Amino acid sequence: MACCYVEIIGKDGKKHILTIDAASAYGAVEKAIEAWSRLWWWDSDVVAIVKRNDESWNVPVRKVIEKTSARLRGRG
């Protein structure tokens, strides 16, 4: 696992940043969703920016939600 920074702009217009350990950019966004999804400023239609060391990825939050839901449906 590696330390990642996940950034999004919330419905409040402010930048929100979470520092977490994750194996991938999608995994980092999935953890950010878990942490932020119940907060009033949360917006699932944004693109998260995931940074690790000198690398950066733009990850659509909606795509992570869809992949996570499909994976969970496959377990049933």
C-alpha atoms as a PDB file:
ATOM      1  CA  MET A   1       0.000   0.000   0.000  1.00  0.00           C
ATOM      2  CA  ALA A   2       1.080   3.551  -0.644  1.00  0.00           C
ATOM      3  CA  CYS A   3       0.096   6.923   0.731  1.00  0.00           C
ATOM      4  CA  CYS A   4      -2.294   8.753  -1.589  1.00  0.00           C
ATOM      5  CA  TYR A   5      -4.006  12.114  -1.522  1.00  0.00           C
ATOM      6  CA  VAL A   6      -7.538  12.297  -2.864  1.00  0.00           C
ATOM      7  CA  GLU A   7      -8.930  15.718  -3.779  1.00  0.00           C
ATOM      8  CA  ILE A   8     -12.436  16.706  -4.807  1.00  0.00           C
ATOM      9  CA  ILE A   9     -14.403  19.915  -5.030  1.00  0.00           C
ATOM     10  CA  GLY A  10     -17.567  19.526  -2.956  1.00  0.00           C
ATOM     11  CA  LYS A  11     -21.000  21.061  -3.449  1.00  0.00           C
ATOM     12  CA  ASP A  12     -19.799  23.806  -1.108  1.00  0.00           C
ATOM     13  CA  GLY A  13     -17.232  24.859  -3.734  1.00  0.00           C
ATOM     14  CA  LYS A  14     -14.315  23.971  -1.447  1.00  0.00           C
ATOM     15  CA  LYS A  15     -11.464  21.559  -2.084  1.00  0.00           C
ATOM     16  CA  HIS A  16     -11.570  18.534   0.229  1.00  0.00           C
ATOM     17  CA  ILE A  17      -8.476  16.372   0.673  1.00  0.00           C
ATOM     18  CA  LEU A  18      -8.100  12.945   2.244  1.00  0.00           C
ATOM     19  CA  THR A  19      -4.808  11.207   2.922  1.00  0.00           C
ATOM     20  CA  ILE A  20      -5.093   7.413   2.832  1.00  0.00           C
ATOM     21  CA  ASP A  21      -3.203   4.233   2.033  1.00  0.00           C
ATOM     22  CA  ALA A  22      -4.407   2.490  -1.089  1.00  0.00           C
ATOM     23  CA  ALA A  23      -3.114   0.008  -3.641  1.00  0.00           C
ATOM     24  CA  SER A  24      -4.577   1.872  -6.633  1.00  0.00           C
ATOM     25  CA  ALA A  25      -6.159   5.165  -7.654  1.00  0.00           C
ATOM     26  CA  TYR A  26      -9.585   3.480  -7.796  1.00  0.00           C
ATOM     27  CA  GLY A  27      -9.009   2.001  -4.346  1.00  0.00           C
ATOM     28  CA  ALA A  28      -8.131   5.446  -3.014  1.00  0.00           C
ATOM     29  CA  VAL A  29     -11.321   6.949  -4.437  1.00  0.00           C
ATOM     30  CA  GLU A  30     -13.363   4.053  -3.066  1.00  0.00           C
ATOM     31  CA  LYS A  31     -12.008   4.790   0.424  1.00  0.00           C
ATOM     32  CA  ALA A  32     -12.718   8.503  -0.031  1.00  0.00           C
ATOM     33  CA  ILE A  33     -16.307   7.684  -0.985  1.00  0.00           C
ATOM     34  CA  GLU A  34     -16.658   5.662   2.216  1.00  0.00           C
ATOM     35  CA  ALA A  35     -15.310   8.571   4.256  1.00  0.00           C
ATOM     36  CA  TRP A  36     -17.197  11.419   2.585  1.00  0.00           C
ATOM     37  CA  SER A  37     -20.448  10.096   1.119  1.00  0.00           C
ATOM     38  CA  ARG A  38     -22.566  10.966   4.178  1.00  0.00           C
ATOM     39  CA  LEU A  39     -21.387  14.569   4.384  1.00  0.00           C
ATOM     40  CA  TRP A  40     -23.655  17.366   3.134  1.00  0.00           C
ATOM     41  CA  TRP A  41     -21.141  18.735   0.641  1.00  0.00           C
ATOM     42  CA  TRP A  42     -20.500  15.355  -1.014  1.00  0.00           C
ATOM     43  CA  ASP A  43     -20.979  15.245  -4.797  1.00  0.00           C
ATOM     44  CA  SER A  44     -20.791  11.902  -6.593  1.00  0.00           C
ATOM     45  CA  ASP A  45     -20.649  13.567 -10.012  1.00  0.00           C
ATOM     46  CA  VAL A  46     -17.150  15.020  -9.632  1.00  0.00           C
ATOM     47  CA  VAL A  47     -13.784  13.835 -10.865  1.00  0.00           C
ATOM     48  CA  ALA A  48     -11.393  13.048  -8.023  1.00  0.00           C
ATOM     49  CA  ILE A  49      -7.711  13.801  -8.344  1.00  0.00           C
ATOM     50  CA  VAL A  50      -5.539  11.105  -6.812  1.00  0.00           C
ATOM     51  CA  LYS A  51      -1.891  11.957  -6.156  1.00  0.00           C
ATOM     52  CA  ARG A  52       0.936   9.675  -5.123  1.00  0.00           C
ATOM     53  CA  ASN A  53       4.534  10.818  -5.203  1.00  0.00           C
ATOM     54  CA  ASP A  54       4.987  12.530  -8.586  1.00  0.00           C
ATOM     55  CA  GLU A  55       2.005  10.772 -10.201  1.00  0.00           C
ATOM     56  CA  SER A  56      -1.545  12.050 -10.552  1.00  0.00           C
ATOM     57  CA  TRP A  57      -4.765  10.479 -11.880  1.00  0.00           C
ATOM     58  CA  ASN A  58      -8.200  11.918 -12.634  1.00  0.00           C
ATOM     59  CA  VAL A  59     -10.822   9.378 -11.565  1.00  0.00           C
ATOM     60  CA  PRO A  60     -14.562   9.916 -12.156  1.00  0.00           C
ATOM     61  CA  VAL A  61     -16.256   9.188  -8.823  1.00  0.00           C
ATOM     62  CA  ARG A  62     -19.403   7.896 -10.534  1.00  0.00           C
ATOM     63  CA  LYS A  63     -17.350   5.244 -12.379  1.00  0.00           C
ATOM     64  CA  VAL A  64     -15.876   3.979  -9.076  1.00  0.00           C
ATOM     65  CA  ILE A  65     -19.369   3.809  -7.547  1.00  0.00           C
ATOM     66  CA  GLU A  66     -20.633   1.800 -10.546  1.00  0.00           C
ATOM     67  CA  LYS A  67     -17.698  -0.638 -10.459  1.00  0.00           C
ATOM     68  CA  THR A  68     -18.034  -1.108  -6.696  1.00  0.00           C
ATOM     69  CA  SER A  69     -21.786  -1.750  -7.019  1.00  0.00           C
ATOM     70  CA  ALA A  70     -21.222  -4.281  -9.807  1.00  0.00           C
ATOM     71  CA  ARG A  71     -18.591  -6.068  -7.744  1.00  0.00           C
ATOM     72  CA  LEU A  72     -20.880  -6.221  -4.719  1.00  0.00           C
ATOM     73  CA  ARG A  73     -23.803  -7.487  -6.835  1.00  0.00           C
ATOM     74  CA  GLY A  74     -21.559 -10.246  -8.141  1.00  0.00           C
ATOM     75  CA  ARG A  75     -21.052 -11.551  -4.598  1.00  0.00           C
ATOM     76  CA  GLY A  76     -24.764 -12.276  -4.097  1.00  0.00           C
END
